[in-house]
Protein backbone atom coordinates (compact mmCIF):
# COMPACT_ATOMS: atom_id res chain seq x y z
CA UNK A 1 -84.21 -14.17 268.42
CA UNK A 2 -85.63 -11.57 266.07
CA UNK A 3 -88.36 -9.27 267.30
CA UNK A 4 -90.92 -7.12 265.55
CA UNK A 5 -89.19 -3.83 266.23
CA UNK A 6 -88.20 -1.75 263.21
CA UNK A 7 -84.48 -1.40 262.57
CA UNK A 8 -83.51 1.90 260.97
CA UNK A 9 -80.27 2.17 259.05
CA UNK A 10 -79.58 5.76 260.07
CA UNK A 11 -80.18 7.81 263.18
CA UNK A 12 -83.08 10.24 262.95
CA UNK A 13 -80.82 12.89 264.46
CA UNK A 14 -78.76 12.70 261.26
CA UNK A 15 -81.37 12.00 258.60
CA UNK A 16 -83.59 14.80 259.91
CA UNK A 17 -80.74 17.28 260.41
CA UNK A 18 -81.44 20.48 258.40
CA UNK A 19 -79.14 21.25 255.48
CA UNK A 20 -80.02 24.96 255.14
CA UNK A 21 -80.03 27.76 257.69
CA UNK A 22 -83.63 28.67 256.94
CA UNK A 23 -84.73 25.14 257.94
CA UNK A 24 -83.01 25.24 261.34
CA UNK A 25 -85.29 25.93 264.31
CA UNK A 26 -83.43 28.82 265.87
CA UNK A 27 -84.05 32.45 266.70
CA UNK A 28 -84.15 35.23 264.12
CA UNK A 29 -81.30 37.01 265.93
CA UNK A 30 -79.13 33.94 265.25
CA UNK A 31 -80.07 33.83 261.58
CA UNK A 32 -79.51 37.58 261.24
CA UNK A 33 -76.03 37.14 262.68
CA UNK A 34 -75.22 34.57 259.99
CA UNK A 35 -76.85 36.41 257.08
CA UNK A 36 -73.50 37.41 255.56
CA UNK A 37 -71.84 34.04 256.04
CA UNK A 38 -68.50 33.61 257.75
CA UNK A 39 -67.16 37.13 257.93
CA UNK A 40 -65.76 36.41 261.41
CA UNK A 41 -64.84 33.44 263.54
CA UNK A 42 -68.08 32.10 265.04
CA UNK A 43 -68.64 30.38 268.39
CA UNK A 44 -72.04 28.83 269.13
CA UNK A 45 -72.74 28.21 272.81
CA UNK A 46 -75.64 26.82 274.80
CA UNK A 47 -77.29 23.66 276.07
CA UNK A 48 -77.04 20.42 274.08
CA UNK A 49 -79.52 19.83 271.26
CA UNK A 50 -80.11 23.47 270.28
CA UNK A 51 -78.58 23.33 266.79
CA UNK A 52 -74.96 24.34 267.34
CA UNK A 53 -73.40 21.50 265.34
CA UNK A 54 -76.08 21.73 262.66
CA UNK A 55 -75.31 25.40 262.02
CA UNK A 56 -71.56 24.78 262.06
CA UNK A 57 -71.92 22.07 259.41
CA UNK A 58 -74.12 24.30 257.27
CA UNK A 59 -71.64 27.19 257.46
CA UNK A 60 -68.75 25.02 256.29
CA UNK A 61 -70.61 23.80 253.18
CA UNK A 62 -68.75 24.63 249.98
CA UNK A 63 -65.43 25.21 251.74
CA UNK A 64 -62.37 23.09 252.28
CA UNK A 65 -62.66 22.27 255.97
CA UNK A 66 -61.33 20.19 258.82
CA UNK A 67 -63.40 19.05 261.81
CA UNK A 68 -61.74 18.44 265.14
CA UNK A 69 -63.57 16.97 268.13
CA UNK A 70 -61.84 18.69 271.03
CA UNK A 71 -63.06 16.16 273.59
CA UNK A 72 -61.00 13.52 271.75
CA UNK A 73 -58.16 15.64 270.34
CA UNK A 74 -57.76 18.23 273.05
CA UNK A 75 -54.00 18.67 273.46
CA UNK A 76 -51.34 20.96 272.06
CA UNK A 77 -50.18 18.27 269.61
CA UNK A 78 -53.49 18.61 267.77
CA UNK A 79 -52.80 22.32 267.27
CA UNK A 80 -49.20 21.82 266.15
CA UNK A 81 -49.53 18.75 263.97
CA UNK A 82 -53.06 18.79 262.60
CA UNK A 83 -54.52 22.26 262.71
CA UNK A 84 -51.45 24.29 261.70
CA UNK A 85 -50.72 21.91 258.83
CA UNK A 86 -54.26 22.32 257.49
CA UNK A 87 -54.20 26.10 257.84
CA UNK A 88 -50.81 26.54 256.17
CA UNK A 89 -51.43 24.22 253.20
CA UNK A 90 -52.75 25.75 249.99
CA UNK A 91 -53.07 24.53 246.43
CA UNK A 92 -50.10 25.09 244.10
CA UNK A 93 -52.58 26.27 241.48
CA UNK A 94 -54.18 29.02 243.60
CA UNK A 95 -53.02 32.55 242.86
CA UNK A 96 -54.36 33.68 246.22
CA UNK A 97 -55.20 31.56 249.25
CA UNK A 98 -58.84 30.53 249.45
CA UNK A 99 -60.85 30.74 252.66
CA UNK A 100 -60.85 27.45 254.56
CA UNK A 101 -62.85 26.41 257.62
CA UNK A 102 -61.72 24.90 260.91
CA UNK A 103 -64.70 23.34 262.70
CA UNK A 104 -64.01 22.79 266.41
CA UNK A 105 -66.59 20.59 268.13
CA UNK A 106 -66.82 20.59 271.95
CA UNK A 107 -64.31 23.42 271.97
CA UNK A 108 -64.71 23.88 275.72
CA UNK A 109 -62.89 20.56 276.32
CA UNK A 110 -59.42 21.67 275.18
CA UNK A 111 -56.57 21.83 277.68
CA UNK A 112 -55.01 25.15 278.72
CA UNK A 113 -51.82 24.67 276.72
CA UNK A 114 -53.84 24.07 273.56
CA UNK A 115 -55.77 27.32 274.11
CA UNK A 116 -52.49 29.20 274.55
CA UNK A 117 -51.12 27.78 271.31
CA UNK A 118 -54.36 28.45 269.46
CA UNK A 119 -54.21 32.19 270.16
CA UNK A 120 -51.25 32.56 267.83
CA UNK A 121 -52.86 30.35 265.17
CA UNK A 122 -56.04 32.43 265.15
CA UNK A 123 -54.04 35.59 264.51
CA UNK A 124 -51.52 34.09 262.10
CA UNK A 125 -54.11 32.72 259.69
CA UNK A 126 -56.78 35.38 260.11
CA UNK A 127 -56.59 36.33 256.42
CA UNK A 128 -57.90 33.07 254.95
CA UNK A 129 -59.00 30.78 257.81
CA UNK A 130 -62.35 31.01 259.58
CA UNK A 131 -62.97 29.11 262.79
CA UNK A 132 -66.40 27.76 263.74
CA UNK A 133 -66.63 26.38 267.28
CA UNK A 134 -69.37 24.82 269.40
CA UNK A 135 -69.39 24.74 273.22
CA UNK A 136 -71.83 23.79 275.94
CA UNK A 137 -70.04 25.77 278.65
CA UNK A 138 -68.68 29.07 277.35
CA UNK A 139 -67.22 29.93 280.76
CA UNK A 140 -64.57 27.23 280.24
CA UNK A 141 -63.11 29.02 277.22
CA UNK A 142 -60.43 31.61 278.13
CA UNK A 143 -61.36 35.26 277.57
CA UNK A 144 -58.47 35.93 275.11
CA UNK A 145 -59.86 33.17 272.88
CA UNK A 146 -63.46 34.39 273.17
CA UNK A 147 -62.37 37.88 272.12
CA UNK A 148 -61.34 36.42 268.75
CA UNK A 149 -64.82 34.96 268.09
CA UNK A 150 -68.29 36.31 267.50
CA UNK A 151 -70.18 34.44 270.23
CA UNK A 152 -73.80 33.46 269.50
CA UNK A 153 -76.03 32.12 272.27
CA UNK A 154 -78.37 29.30 271.20
CA UNK A 155 -80.41 29.26 274.41
CA UNK A 156 -83.67 31.23 274.70
CA UNK A 157 -82.89 34.59 276.29
CA UNK A 158 -86.35 35.56 277.52
CA UNK A 159 -89.93 34.31 277.88
CA UNK A 160 -90.81 35.43 274.34
CA UNK A 161 -88.00 33.33 272.88
CA UNK A 162 -88.93 30.35 275.07
CA UNK A 163 -92.53 30.48 273.85
CA UNK A 164 -91.49 30.84 270.22
CA UNK A 165 -89.03 27.94 270.48
CA UNK A 166 -91.55 25.65 272.18
CA UNK A 167 -94.22 26.39 269.55
CA UNK A 168 -91.72 25.82 266.74
CA UNK A 169 -90.62 22.50 268.26
CA UNK A 170 -94.26 21.43 268.57
CA UNK A 171 -94.97 22.22 264.92
CA UNK A 172 -91.90 20.28 263.70
CA UNK A 173 -92.61 17.28 265.94
CA UNK A 174 -96.21 17.07 264.74
CA UNK A 175 -94.95 16.93 261.13
CA UNK A 176 -92.55 14.11 262.00
CA UNK A 177 -95.12 12.12 263.99
CA UNK A 178 -97.65 12.45 261.18
CA UNK A 179 -95.11 11.16 258.67
CA UNK A 180 -94.37 8.19 260.95
CA UNK A 181 -98.10 7.51 261.50
CA UNK A 182 -97.80 8.05 265.25
CA UNK A 183 -100.95 9.66 266.61
CA UNK A 184 -100.85 12.45 269.17
CA UNK A 185 -102.78 15.17 270.92
CA UNK A 186 -101.56 18.74 271.17
CA UNK A 187 -101.29 18.42 274.93
CA UNK A 188 -99.19 15.25 274.77
CA UNK A 189 -96.83 16.76 272.21
CA UNK A 190 -96.25 19.82 274.37
CA UNK A 191 -95.70 17.79 277.55
CA UNK A 192 -93.34 15.46 275.67
CA UNK A 193 -91.24 18.37 274.41
CA UNK A 194 -91.21 20.13 277.78
CA UNK A 195 -89.62 17.02 279.26
CA UNK A 196 -86.42 17.76 277.31
CA UNK A 197 -86.78 21.45 276.45
CA UNK A 198 -84.80 23.09 274.92
CA UNK A 199 -82.85 19.96 273.92
CA UNK A 200 -84.37 19.03 270.54
CA UNK A 201 -81.89 16.22 269.89
CA UNK A 202 -83.32 14.24 272.81
CA UNK A 203 -86.80 14.79 271.40
CA UNK A 204 -85.75 13.33 268.04
CA UNK A 205 -83.95 10.40 269.69
CA UNK A 206 -87.09 9.60 271.68
CA UNK A 207 -89.24 9.75 268.54
CA UNK A 208 -86.91 7.20 266.94
CA UNK A 209 -87.30 5.02 270.03
CA UNK A 210 -91.10 5.21 269.67
CA UNK A 211 -90.82 4.32 265.99
CA UNK A 212 -88.58 1.29 266.55
CA UNK A 213 -90.94 0.08 269.30
CA UNK A 214 -93.85 0.22 266.82
CA UNK A 215 -95.70 2.79 268.91
CA UNK A 216 -98.88 4.03 267.25
CA UNK A 217 -99.26 6.93 269.69
CA UNK A 218 -97.13 8.85 272.17
CA UNK A 219 -96.84 6.63 275.28
CA UNK A 220 -98.06 8.12 278.55
CA UNK A 221 -94.70 7.60 280.25
CA UNK A 222 -92.95 9.68 277.58
CA UNK A 223 -95.40 12.57 277.78
CA UNK A 224 -94.51 13.35 281.39
CA UNK A 225 -94.16 17.06 281.99
CA UNK A 226 -90.74 17.76 283.51
CA UNK A 227 -92.05 20.90 285.20
CA UNK A 228 -93.47 18.97 288.17
CA UNK A 229 -90.86 19.71 290.80
CA UNK A 230 -92.56 18.10 293.79
CA UNK A 231 -90.18 15.13 293.95
CA UNK A 232 -87.14 17.37 293.53
CA UNK A 233 -88.33 19.75 296.22
CA UNK A 234 -88.87 16.85 298.59
CA UNK A 235 -85.31 15.64 298.06
CA UNK A 236 -83.90 19.11 298.64
CA UNK A 237 -85.95 19.74 301.79
CA UNK A 238 -85.50 16.36 303.44
CA UNK A 239 -82.02 15.12 302.54
CA UNK A 240 -78.98 17.32 303.29
CA UNK A 241 -76.55 14.91 301.61
CA UNK A 242 -75.75 16.49 298.23
CA UNK A 243 -74.13 13.40 296.73
CA UNK A 244 -77.07 11.20 297.69
CA UNK A 245 -79.39 13.81 296.17
CA UNK A 246 -77.44 13.73 292.92
CA UNK A 247 -77.68 9.94 292.73
CA UNK A 248 -81.42 10.22 293.37
CA UNK A 249 -81.75 12.61 290.45
CA UNK A 250 -79.92 10.09 288.25
CA UNK A 251 -82.44 7.43 289.20
CA UNK A 252 -85.58 9.52 288.81
CA UNK A 253 -84.77 11.76 285.82
CA UNK A 254 -84.38 9.47 282.86
CA UNK A 255 -82.24 11.47 280.44
CA UNK A 256 -79.71 13.50 282.39
CA UNK A 257 -79.69 14.75 285.97
CA UNK A 258 -78.34 18.07 284.70
CA UNK A 259 -81.73 18.62 283.04
CA UNK A 260 -83.29 18.50 286.49
CA UNK A 261 -80.87 21.16 287.71
CA UNK A 262 -81.79 23.38 284.76
CA UNK A 263 -85.47 22.88 285.52
CA UNK A 264 -84.89 23.88 289.14
CA UNK A 265 -83.15 27.04 288.03
CA UNK A 266 -86.08 27.98 285.81
CA UNK A 267 -88.97 27.15 288.13
CA UNK A 268 -87.80 26.55 291.69
CA UNK A 269 -88.10 30.12 293.09
CA UNK A 270 -91.73 30.44 292.03
CA UNK A 271 -92.49 26.90 293.21
CA UNK A 272 -90.85 27.55 296.57
CA UNK A 273 -92.80 30.78 297.02
CA UNK A 274 -96.02 28.91 296.34
CA UNK A 275 -95.42 25.78 298.44
CA UNK A 276 -93.05 26.90 301.23
CA UNK A 277 -93.18 30.71 301.46
CA UNK A 278 -91.55 30.66 304.90
CA UNK A 279 -88.31 29.57 303.17
CA UNK A 280 -88.27 32.19 300.44
CA UNK A 281 -85.79 34.27 302.46
CA UNK A 282 -83.24 31.49 301.89
CA UNK A 283 -83.03 32.26 298.16
CA UNK A 284 -80.13 34.79 298.40
CA UNK A 285 -78.02 32.22 300.26
CA UNK A 286 -78.96 29.60 297.67
CA UNK A 287 -77.86 31.92 294.85
CA UNK A 288 -74.50 32.55 296.51
CA UNK A 289 -73.93 28.82 296.98
CA UNK A 290 -74.84 28.12 293.35
CA UNK A 291 -72.42 30.82 292.17
CA UNK A 292 -69.62 29.28 294.24
CA UNK A 293 -70.27 25.84 292.74
CA UNK A 294 -70.42 27.26 289.21
CA UNK A 295 -67.01 28.82 289.73
CA UNK A 296 -65.62 25.47 290.89
CA UNK A 297 -67.22 23.55 288.02
CA UNK A 298 -65.20 25.42 285.40
CA UNK A 299 -62.00 24.03 286.98
CA UNK A 300 -63.22 20.60 288.09
CA UNK A 301 -61.91 17.44 286.43
CA UNK A 302 -64.90 15.45 287.71
CA UNK A 303 -68.01 17.63 287.56
CA UNK A 304 -70.15 15.15 289.47
């Protein structure tokens, strides 16, 4: 049975994707690093939804390019049969080889043998091939590969960058909501964005959900500030079973439990100091435990 919801032909995440670097919401240090185009191999790293793929697609405009999703084509056969063939093929009518682009999405998902093979490819075709890669977890990429890239962090690096990014997101979202005739208040917009921050893709996906549901204003359940850690703190303090805690996060945090972990890392020490100061001396032990788990995560087949 048909309903009254709007059906959009294209995803907002694609139709609203910027086509020029100046339109991308990212830091000036990032734009300055790209001011001269692809002089080097570029690797964008950071949390999902911060513009890595958008910038990679912009940089490849005007070039002959190949895009490889390394989560799907992650083995050594991709390097031998697909990538090398593209890099070594040039037009019979070219007097000198033109620069071509290899776009590697989810580059941190390749297997070790593929990374080993790629080292030689990067050096062999350095004259006329530029590589643009995107990763969520830069620590998974071997150091010899990273040394062949200019690595650009897409995450905010300090409070000033966080504030700038949040304000820029708010301004862009207000423009979109106005165009869609969805009413808002400044407070609701900020709380809505903070729920996903700094993942802007999830913000856009949620706006599309509001639009298809014929919302005329931002619903209260969407504008829930993710910075309220009381439920998370309660789980941590009262339940020592880590796996049960993780499942609880999956139930209570609607988008991704990893977002809750990020939020804890940003706000938990201050929150703990305010609500349970007698436990603040436990923070060094917590930091050591986190570091041990981070080291294991880079090698784990099942990160859960």
